[in-house]
Amino acid sequence: LITFGGVDPNNYTEKVIRIIYQYCNEKNIKITVIAGFGYASYNSIQSYKNVIIKRNISNISDYILQADLIFTSAGRTVYEVASIGTPALVMAQNEREMTHFFASVEYGFSNLGLGYNVSDENIMNEFIRLVNSFKSRRQMSELMKGQDLKSGRKRVHKLIQDLTQD
């Protein structure tokens, strides 16, 4: 699954497809793209045969659940991915996203860094490594599922209460 948010200003969607496309065809790996309302580069990806393109979907979690591996940016989607536990390769869209600590190996993500600085070779090598290592993908999933994302609001509320009472 490839999803880089509602806009994907750097068109990482096309970059990733271009890099992994031949390998996926040779290995019979299905590529699904979820593009948001603001994605302006549909023309750059429509020529790839056997790539399923979904636009403006209402429930991304269904696709995350079905995927074996995800390419995404370091925004809010990483929390949806972690709550389901699907292994993900992360490419930050900008410097601000580089400060999002959750999209890290500690929490089960393969963070490749700032996407426009990541070489095609690094993307391909990490993709192949994860495709060929069920053990690594399972470890990533376990780290993600080990995070308590469901009671975050309660934790924050308690932290605020504790601070105000001190």
N, C-alpha and C. Protein backbone atom coordinates (compact mmCIF):
# COMPACT_ATOMS: atom_id res chain seq x y z
N LEU A 1 0.86 -1.18 0.00
CA LEU A 1 0.00 0.00 0.00
C LEU A 1 0.89 1.23 0.00
N ILE A 2 0.57 2.18 -0.85
CA ILE A 2 1.30 3.44 -0.92
C ILE A 2 0.31 4.56 -0.62
N THR A 3 0.58 5.33 0.41
CA THR A 3 -0.29 6.46 0.74
C THR A 3 0.53 7.56 1.40
N PHE A 4 0.58 8.70 0.75
CA PHE A 4 1.37 9.82 1.26
C PHE A 4 0.50 11.03 1.58
N GLY A 5 -0.65 10.78 2.16
CA GLY A 5 -1.50 11.86 2.63
C GLY A 5 -2.40 12.44 1.55
N GLY A 6 -3.10 13.47 1.94
CA GLY A 6 -4.10 14.07 1.06
C GLY A 6 -3.53 14.81 -0.13
N VAL A 7 -2.28 15.26 -0.05
CA VAL A 7 -1.72 16.11 -1.09
C VAL A 7 -0.46 15.50 -1.73
N ASP A 8 0.42 14.90 -0.95
CA ASP A 8 1.69 14.35 -1.42
C ASP A 8 2.45 15.37 -2.27
N PRO A 9 2.86 16.50 -1.68
CA PRO A 9 3.45 17.60 -2.44
C PRO A 9 4.74 17.24 -3.17
N ASN A 10 5.46 16.24 -2.70
CA ASN A 10 6.71 15.83 -3.34
C ASN A 10 6.53 14.66 -4.31
N ASN A 11 5.29 14.22 -4.47
CA ASN A 11 4.94 13.09 -5.33
C ASN A 11 5.78 11.85 -5.02
N TYR A 12 5.89 11.53 -3.74
CA TYR A 12 6.57 10.30 -3.34
C TYR A 12 5.82 9.08 -3.87
N THR A 13 4.53 9.22 -4.09
CA THR A 13 3.74 8.11 -4.63
C THR A 13 4.37 7.63 -5.93
N GLU A 14 4.61 8.53 -6.85
CA GLU A 14 5.20 8.14 -8.13
C GLU A 14 6.64 7.66 -7.95
N LYS A 15 7.38 8.31 -7.07
CA LYS A 15 8.77 7.91 -6.82
C LYS A 15 8.83 6.46 -6.36
N VAL A 16 7.99 6.09 -5.40
CA VAL A 16 8.01 4.72 -4.88
C VAL A 16 7.55 3.73 -5.94
N ILE A 17 6.48 4.05 -6.65
CA ILE A 17 6.01 3.13 -7.70
C ILE A 17 7.12 2.92 -8.72
N ARG A 18 7.73 3.99 -9.19
CA ARG A 18 8.79 3.88 -10.19
C ARG A 18 9.91 2.95 -9.71
N ILE A 19 10.24 3.02 -8.44
CA ILE A 19 11.35 2.24 -7.89
C ILE A 19 10.99 0.77 -7.72
N ILE A 20 9.80 0.47 -7.21
CA ILE A 20 9.46 -0.91 -6.87
C ILE A 20 8.63 -1.63 -7.94
N TYR A 21 8.18 -0.92 -8.95
CA TYR A 21 7.23 -1.46 -9.92
C TYR A 21 7.70 -2.75 -10.60
N GLN A 22 8.86 -2.73 -11.17
CA GLN A 22 9.35 -3.91 -11.90
C GLN A 22 9.49 -5.11 -10.95
N TYR A 23 10.07 -4.88 -9.78
CA TYR A 23 10.23 -5.96 -8.81
C TYR A 23 8.87 -6.55 -8.43
N CYS A 24 7.91 -5.68 -8.17
CA CYS A 24 6.57 -6.14 -7.79
C CYS A 24 5.92 -6.95 -8.90
N ASN A 25 6.08 -6.52 -10.14
CA ASN A 25 5.53 -7.28 -11.25
C ASN A 25 6.18 -8.65 -11.36
N GLU A 26 7.50 -8.70 -11.19
CA GLU A 26 8.22 -9.98 -11.28
C GLU A 26 7.81 -10.94 -10.16
N LYS A 27 7.52 -10.40 -8.98
CA LYS A 27 7.20 -11.22 -7.81
C LYS A 27 5.70 -11.34 -7.57
N ASN A 28 4.90 -10.82 -8.50
CA ASN A 28 3.44 -10.86 -8.39
C ASN A 28 2.94 -10.19 -7.09
N ILE A 29 3.51 -9.04 -6.79
CA ILE A 29 3.12 -8.26 -5.62
C ILE A 29 2.17 -7.16 -6.08
N LYS A 30 1.01 -7.11 -5.48
CA LYS A 30 0.00 -6.12 -5.84
C LYS A 30 0.32 -4.77 -5.19
N ILE A 31 0.24 -3.71 -5.96
CA ILE A 31 0.45 -2.35 -5.46
C ILE A 31 -0.89 -1.63 -5.45
N THR A 32 -1.26 -1.10 -4.28
CA THR A 32 -2.45 -0.28 -4.16
C THR A 32 -2.02 1.11 -3.72
N VAL A 33 -2.56 2.12 -4.36
CA VAL A 33 -2.28 3.51 -4.03
C VAL A 33 -3.56 4.13 -3.49
N ILE A 34 -3.43 4.83 -2.37
CA ILE A 34 -4.53 5.64 -1.87
C ILE A 34 -4.07 7.09 -1.94
N ALA A 35 -4.73 7.85 -2.79
CA ALA A 35 -4.38 9.25 -2.99
C ALA A 35 -5.51 10.12 -2.46
N GLY A 36 -5.14 11.21 -1.86
CA GLY A 36 -6.12 12.09 -1.25
C GLY A 36 -6.71 13.11 -2.20
N PHE A 37 -7.59 13.92 -1.66
CA PHE A 37 -8.32 14.92 -2.43
C PHE A 37 -7.41 15.95 -3.10
N GLY A 38 -6.26 16.22 -2.52
CA GLY A 38 -5.38 17.25 -3.06
C GLY A 38 -4.24 16.73 -3.92
N TYR A 39 -4.21 15.43 -4.17
CA TYR A 39 -3.12 14.87 -4.97
C TYR A 39 -3.28 15.30 -6.42
N ALA A 40 -2.32 16.04 -6.92
CA ALA A 40 -2.43 16.65 -8.25
C ALA A 40 -1.64 15.90 -9.33
N SER A 41 -1.05 14.77 -8.99
CA SER A 41 -0.15 14.10 -9.95
C SER A 41 -0.69 12.75 -10.43
N TYR A 42 -2.00 12.62 -10.55
CA TYR A 42 -2.57 11.36 -11.02
C TYR A 42 -1.99 10.94 -12.37
N ASN A 43 -1.74 11.91 -13.24
CA ASN A 43 -1.21 11.59 -14.57
C ASN A 43 0.12 10.87 -14.49
N SER A 44 0.91 11.13 -13.45
CA SER A 44 2.23 10.52 -13.34
C SER A 44 2.17 9.05 -12.94
N ILE A 45 1.03 8.59 -12.44
CA ILE A 45 0.94 7.19 -11.99
C ILE A 45 -0.06 6.35 -12.78
N GLN A 46 -0.88 6.97 -13.60
CA GLN A 46 -1.91 6.24 -14.31
C GLN A 46 -1.38 5.29 -15.38
N SER A 47 -0.17 5.51 -15.85
CA SER A 47 0.37 4.65 -16.91
C SER A 47 0.90 3.32 -16.39
N TYR A 48 1.03 3.20 -15.08
CA TYR A 48 1.53 1.94 -14.50
C TYR A 48 0.40 0.91 -14.49
N LYS A 49 0.58 -0.14 -15.26
CA LYS A 49 -0.42 -1.20 -15.31
C LYS A 49 -0.38 -2.01 -14.01
N ASN A 50 -1.48 -2.56 -13.64
CA ASN A 50 -1.61 -3.41 -12.45
C ASN A 50 -1.42 -2.66 -11.14
N VAL A 51 -1.49 -1.35 -11.16
CA VAL A 51 -1.47 -0.56 -9.93
C VAL A 51 -2.89 -0.09 -9.68
N ILE A 52 -3.42 -0.46 -8.52
CA ILE A 52 -4.79 -0.09 -8.15
C ILE A 52 -4.75 1.28 -7.49
N ILE A 53 -5.49 2.21 -8.04
CA ILE A 53 -5.50 3.58 -7.52
C ILE A 53 -6.87 3.88 -6.93
N LYS A 54 -6.87 4.23 -5.66
CA LYS A 54 -8.09 4.61 -4.95
C LYS A 54 -7.99 6.09 -4.62
N ARG A 55 -9.06 6.81 -4.87
CA ARG A 55 -9.08 8.25 -4.62
C ARG A 55 -10.13 8.60 -3.58
N ASN A 56 -9.75 9.50 -2.68
CA ASN A 56 -10.69 10.06 -1.71
C ASN A 56 -11.52 9.01 -0.98
N ILE A 57 -10.87 7.99 -0.46
CA ILE A 57 -11.60 6.95 0.25
C ILE A 57 -12.03 7.45 1.63
N SER A 58 -13.05 6.82 2.18
CA SER A 58 -13.55 7.27 3.48
C SER A 58 -12.96 6.49 4.65
N ASN A 59 -12.44 5.29 4.41
CA ASN A 59 -11.94 4.49 5.52
C ASN A 59 -10.61 3.82 5.15
N ILE A 60 -9.53 4.53 5.38
CA ILE A 60 -8.21 4.03 5.02
C ILE A 60 -7.83 2.79 5.85
N SER A 61 -8.41 2.66 7.03
CA SER A 61 -8.04 1.53 7.90
C SER A 61 -8.33 0.18 7.25
N ASP A 62 -9.36 0.09 6.42
CA ASP A 62 -9.64 -1.17 5.72
C ASP A 62 -8.47 -1.57 4.83
N TYR A 63 -7.88 -0.61 4.16
CA TYR A 63 -6.75 -0.87 3.26
C TYR A 63 -5.47 -1.15 4.05
N ILE A 64 -5.29 -0.45 5.14
CA ILE A 64 -4.13 -0.68 6.01
C ILE A 64 -4.16 -2.11 6.54
N LEU A 65 -5.34 -2.55 6.95
CA LEU A 65 -5.51 -3.90 7.49
C LEU A 65 -5.20 -4.97 6.44
N GLN A 66 -5.56 -4.73 5.20
CA GLN A 66 -5.34 -5.71 4.13
C GLN A 66 -3.90 -5.75 3.63
N ALA A 67 -3.14 -4.69 3.89
CA ALA A 67 -1.78 -4.58 3.34
C ALA A 67 -0.78 -5.42 4.15
N ASP A 68 0.28 -5.83 3.47
CA ASP A 68 1.39 -6.50 4.13
C ASP A 68 2.50 -5.52 4.48
N LEU A 69 2.55 -4.41 3.72
CA LEU A 69 3.61 -3.42 3.89
C LEU A 69 3.10 -2.10 3.34
N ILE A 70 3.46 -1.01 4.00
CA ILE A 70 2.96 0.31 3.63
C ILE A 70 4.12 1.28 3.45
N PHE A 71 3.99 2.14 2.45
CA PHE A 71 4.83 3.32 2.31
C PHE A 71 3.96 4.51 2.69
N THR A 72 4.43 5.35 3.60
CA THR A 72 3.67 6.52 4.01
C THR A 72 4.59 7.63 4.48
N SER A 73 4.02 8.79 4.72
CA SER A 73 4.80 9.90 5.27
C SER A 73 4.71 9.85 6.80
N ALA A 74 5.29 10.83 7.46
CA ALA A 74 5.40 10.78 8.92
C ALA A 74 4.30 11.58 9.63
N GLY A 75 3.17 11.73 8.99
CA GLY A 75 2.05 12.47 9.58
C GLY A 75 1.14 11.58 10.41
N ARG A 76 -0.13 11.94 10.45
CA ARG A 76 -1.10 11.23 11.29
C ARG A 76 -1.32 9.78 10.88
N THR A 77 -1.09 9.47 9.62
CA THR A 77 -1.32 8.10 9.14
C THR A 77 -0.50 7.09 9.93
N VAL A 78 0.67 7.47 10.43
CA VAL A 78 1.49 6.50 11.16
C VAL A 78 0.76 5.99 12.41
N TYR A 79 -0.11 6.80 13.00
CA TYR A 79 -0.87 6.35 14.17
C TYR A 79 -1.94 5.34 13.77
N GLU A 80 -2.57 5.56 12.63
CA GLU A 80 -3.54 4.59 12.12
C GLU A 80 -2.84 3.28 11.79
N VAL A 81 -1.68 3.38 11.16
CA VAL A 81 -0.90 2.20 10.80
C VAL A 81 -0.51 1.44 12.06
N ALA A 82 0.00 2.15 13.07
CA ALA A 82 0.44 1.50 14.31
C ALA A 82 -0.72 0.86 15.05
N SER A 83 -1.88 1.48 15.04
CA SER A 83 -3.02 0.89 15.75
C SER A 83 -3.45 -0.43 15.13
N ILE A 84 -3.18 -0.60 13.84
CA ILE A 84 -3.50 -1.85 13.16
C ILE A 84 -2.31 -2.80 13.18
N GLY A 85 -1.10 -2.22 13.13
CA GLY A 85 0.11 -3.04 13.23
C GLY A 85 0.69 -3.49 11.90
N THR A 86 0.39 -2.77 10.83
CA THR A 86 0.95 -3.13 9.53
C THR A 86 2.32 -2.49 9.37
N PRO A 87 3.35 -3.26 9.07
CA PRO A 87 4.70 -2.72 8.91
C PRO A 87 4.73 -1.60 7.87
N ALA A 88 5.54 -0.57 8.14
CA ALA A 88 5.54 0.59 7.25
C ALA A 88 6.94 1.17 7.07
N LEU A 89 7.19 1.63 5.85
CA LEU A 89 8.36 2.41 5.51
C LEU A 89 7.90 3.86 5.46
N VAL A 90 8.62 4.73 6.15
CA VAL A 90 8.21 6.13 6.28
C VAL A 90 9.21 7.03 5.57
N MET A 91 8.66 7.98 4.82
CA MET A 91 9.46 9.01 4.16
C MET A 91 8.83 10.35 4.51
N ALA A 92 9.54 11.15 5.28
CA ALA A 92 9.01 12.45 5.72
C ALA A 92 8.88 13.39 4.52
N GLN A 93 7.78 14.15 4.50
CA GLN A 93 7.54 15.10 3.41
C GLN A 93 8.36 16.38 3.56
N ASN A 94 8.71 16.72 4.82
CA ASN A 94 9.39 18.00 5.08
C ASN A 94 10.15 17.91 6.40
N GLU A 95 10.87 18.97 6.72
CA GLU A 95 11.67 19.00 7.95
C GLU A 95 10.80 18.87 9.19
N ARG A 96 9.62 19.48 9.18
CA ARG A 96 8.73 19.39 10.34
C ARG A 96 8.37 17.94 10.65
N GLU A 97 8.07 17.18 9.61
CA GLU A 97 7.73 15.76 9.83
C GLU A 97 8.91 14.98 10.39
N MET A 98 10.12 15.46 10.17
CA MET A 98 11.30 14.79 10.72
C MET A 98 11.32 14.87 12.25
N THR A 99 10.56 15.79 12.82
CA THR A 99 10.51 15.93 14.28
C THR A 99 9.46 15.03 14.92
N HIS A 100 8.69 14.31 14.12
CA HIS A 100 7.66 13.42 14.65
C HIS A 100 8.32 12.11 15.11
N PHE A 101 8.60 12.05 16.38
CA PHE A 101 9.39 10.95 16.93
C PHE A 101 8.69 9.59 16.85
N PHE A 102 7.37 9.57 16.74
CA PHE A 102 6.67 8.29 16.76
C PHE A 102 7.01 7.42 15.55
N ALA A 103 7.27 8.02 14.41
CA ALA A 103 7.56 7.27 13.19
C ALA A 103 9.02 6.79 13.19
N SER A 104 9.37 6.00 14.20
CA SER A 104 10.76 5.57 14.35
C SER A 104 10.84 4.07 14.58
N VAL A 105 12.04 3.55 14.50
CA VAL A 105 12.28 2.12 14.68
C VAL A 105 11.85 1.66 16.07
N GLU A 106 11.97 2.54 17.05
CA GLU A 106 11.57 2.22 18.42
C GLU A 106 10.10 1.81 18.51
N TYR A 107 9.29 2.37 17.62
CA TYR A 107 7.86 2.08 17.63
C TYR A 107 7.44 1.17 16.47
N GLY A 108 8.42 0.61 15.77
CA GLY A 108 8.14 -0.39 14.75
C GLY A 108 8.17 0.08 13.31
N PHE A 109 8.61 1.29 13.06
CA PHE A 109 8.63 1.83 11.70
C PHE A 109 10.04 1.77 11.12
N SER A 110 10.11 1.65 9.81
CA SER A 110 11.37 1.80 9.10
C SER A 110 11.35 3.22 8.53
N ASN A 111 12.00 4.13 9.23
CA ASN A 111 11.99 5.52 8.82
C ASN A 111 13.20 5.78 7.93
N LEU A 112 12.94 6.07 6.67
CA LEU A 112 14.00 6.29 5.69
C LEU A 112 14.52 7.72 5.70
N GLY A 113 13.85 8.60 6.43
CA GLY A 113 14.28 9.99 6.52
C GLY A 113 13.49 10.90 5.62
N LEU A 114 14.08 12.03 5.31
CA LEU A 114 13.45 13.03 4.46
C LEU A 114 13.39 12.48 3.04
N GLY A 115 12.19 12.25 2.56
CA GLY A 115 11.97 11.50 1.33
C GLY A 115 12.72 11.98 0.11
N TYR A 116 12.84 13.28 -0.06
CA TYR A 116 13.53 13.76 -1.26
C TYR A 116 15.04 13.62 -1.14
N ASN A 117 15.54 13.24 0.02
CA ASN A 117 16.97 12.96 0.18
C ASN A 117 17.29 11.47 0.14
N VAL A 118 16.27 10.63 0.14
CA VAL A 118 16.48 9.18 0.17
C VAL A 118 16.71 8.68 -1.26
N SER A 119 17.78 7.92 -1.42
CA SER A 119 18.11 7.42 -2.76
C SER A 119 17.17 6.29 -3.17
N ASP A 120 17.02 6.15 -4.47
CA ASP A 120 16.22 5.05 -5.02
C ASP A 120 16.75 3.72 -4.50
N GLU A 121 18.07 3.60 -4.44
CA GLU A 121 18.71 2.36 -3.99
C GLU A 121 18.33 2.04 -2.54
N ASN A 122 18.32 3.04 -1.67
CA ASN A 122 17.95 2.80 -0.26
C ASN A 122 16.50 2.38 -0.13
N ILE A 123 15.63 3.00 -0.90
CA ILE A 123 14.21 2.64 -0.88
C ILE A 123 14.05 1.19 -1.33
N MET A 124 14.66 0.86 -2.45
CA MET A 124 14.53 -0.48 -3.00
C MET A 124 15.12 -1.53 -2.06
N ASN A 125 16.29 -1.26 -1.51
CA ASN A 125 16.92 -2.24 -0.62
C ASN A 125 16.09 -2.50 0.63
N GLU A 126 15.55 -1.45 1.22
CA GLU A 126 14.73 -1.64 2.43
C GLU A 126 13.41 -2.33 2.09
N PHE A 127 12.83 -2.00 0.96
CA PHE A 127 11.60 -2.66 0.51
C PHE A 127 11.85 -4.17 0.33
N ILE A 128 12.90 -4.52 -0.39
CA ILE A 128 13.21 -5.94 -0.62
C ILE A 128 13.53 -6.64 0.69
N ARG A 129 14.26 -5.98 1.56
CA ARG A 129 14.59 -6.59 2.86
C ARG A 129 13.31 -6.94 3.61
N LEU A 130 12.37 -6.03 3.65
CA LEU A 130 11.13 -6.28 4.40
C LEU A 130 10.22 -7.28 3.70
N VAL A 131 10.16 -7.22 2.39
CA VAL A 131 9.35 -8.20 1.64
C VAL A 131 9.87 -9.61 1.93
N ASN A 132 11.18 -9.76 2.02
CA ASN A 132 11.78 -11.07 2.20
C ASN A 132 11.97 -11.49 3.65
N SER A 133 11.54 -10.66 4.59
CA SER A 133 11.73 -11.02 6.00
C SER A 133 10.42 -10.91 6.78
N PHE A 134 9.71 -12.02 6.81
CA PHE A 134 8.48 -12.05 7.60
C PHE A 134 8.79 -11.78 9.06
N LYS A 135 9.94 -12.27 9.52
CA LYS A 135 10.34 -12.06 10.91
C LYS A 135 10.46 -10.56 11.23
N SER A 136 11.10 -9.81 10.36
CA SER A 136 11.23 -8.36 10.58
C SER A 136 9.87 -7.68 10.58
N ARG A 137 9.01 -8.05 9.63
CA ARG A 137 7.67 -7.45 9.58
C ARG A 137 6.87 -7.79 10.83
N ARG A 138 7.00 -9.01 11.31
CA ARG A 138 6.28 -9.40 12.53
C ARG A 138 6.79 -8.60 13.73
N GLN A 139 8.11 -8.42 13.83
CA GLN A 139 8.68 -7.63 14.92
C GLN A 139 8.19 -6.18 14.86
N MET A 140 8.14 -5.62 13.67
CA MET A 140 7.63 -4.26 13.51
C MET A 140 6.18 -4.18 13.99
N SER A 141 5.38 -5.13 13.57
CA SER A 141 3.97 -5.16 13.95
C SER A 141 3.81 -5.27 15.46
N GLU A 142 4.60 -6.12 16.08
CA GLU A 142 4.51 -6.29 17.54
C GLU A 142 4.89 -5.01 18.28
N LEU A 143 5.92 -4.31 17.80
CA LEU A 143 6.29 -3.03 18.42
C LEU A 143 5.16 -2.01 18.29
N MET A 144 4.55 -1.97 17.12
CA MET A 144 3.43 -1.04 16.92
C MET A 144 2.27 -1.37 17.84
N LYS A 145 1.90 -2.62 17.86
CA LYS A 145 0.74 -3.03 18.67
C LYS A 145 1.02 -2.92 20.16
N GLY A 146 2.28 -2.84 20.53
CA GLY A 146 2.65 -2.70 21.94
C GLY A 146 2.44 -1.29 22.48
N GLN A 147 2.11 -0.35 21.60
CA GLN A 147 1.88 1.03 22.03
C GLN A 147 0.42 1.21 22.44
N ASP A 148 0.21 1.90 23.53
CA ASP A 148 -1.16 2.14 24.00
C ASP A 148 -1.69 3.41 23.35
N LEU A 149 -2.23 3.27 22.16
CA LEU A 149 -2.74 4.42 21.42
C LEU A 149 -4.20 4.73 21.76
N LYS A 150 -4.88 3.77 22.33
CA LYS A 150 -6.31 3.96 22.59
C LYS A 150 -6.61 4.80 23.81
N SER A 151 -5.71 4.85 24.76
CA SER A 151 -6.01 5.62 25.97
C SER A 151 -5.17 6.89 26.05
N GLY A 152 -4.75 7.39 24.90
CA GLY A 152 -3.93 8.60 24.86
C GLY A 152 -4.61 9.81 25.47
N ARG A 153 -5.89 9.98 25.18
CA ARG A 153 -6.62 11.12 25.73
C ARG A 153 -6.66 11.06 27.25
N LYS A 154 -6.88 9.88 27.79
CA LYS A 154 -6.90 9.71 29.25
C LYS A 154 -5.53 10.02 29.85
N ARG A 155 -4.46 9.55 29.20
CA ARG A 155 -3.11 9.81 29.70
C ARG A 155 -2.80 11.30 29.72
N VAL A 156 -3.15 11.99 28.64
CA VAL A 156 -2.89 13.43 28.56
C VAL A 156 -3.70 14.17 29.62
N HIS A 157 -4.95 13.78 29.79
CA HIS A 157 -5.81 14.41 30.81
C HIS A 157 -5.21 14.22 32.19
N LYS A 158 -4.73 13.01 32.47
CA LYS A 158 -4.12 12.73 33.77
C LYS A 158 -2.83 13.55 33.96
N LEU A 159 -2.02 13.65 32.93
CA LEU A 159 -0.79 14.45 33.02
C LEU A 159 -1.11 15.91 33.32
N ILE A 160 -2.12 16.44 32.68
CA ILE A 160 -2.52 17.83 32.92
C ILE A 160 -3.02 18.00 34.35
N GLN A 161 -3.84 17.06 34.79
CA GLN A 161 -4.35 17.11 36.16
C GLN A 161 -3.20 17.05 37.16
N ASP A 162 -2.26 16.14 36.93
CA ASP A 162 -1.11 16.01 37.83
C ASP A 162 -0.30 17.30 37.89
N LEU A 163 -0.10 17.92 36.74
CA LEU A 163 0.67 19.18 36.69
C LEU A 163 -0.05 20.32 37.40
N THR A 164 -1.34 20.39 37.22
CA THR A 164 -2.09 21.49 37.84
C THR A 164 -2.28 21.32 39.33
N GLN A 165 -2.18 20.09 39.80
CA GLN A 165 -2.34 19.83 41.24
C GLN A 165 -1.03 19.99 41.99
N ASP A 166 0.07 20.01 41.30
CA ASP A 166 1.38 20.15 41.97
C ASP A 166 1.71 21.55 42.30
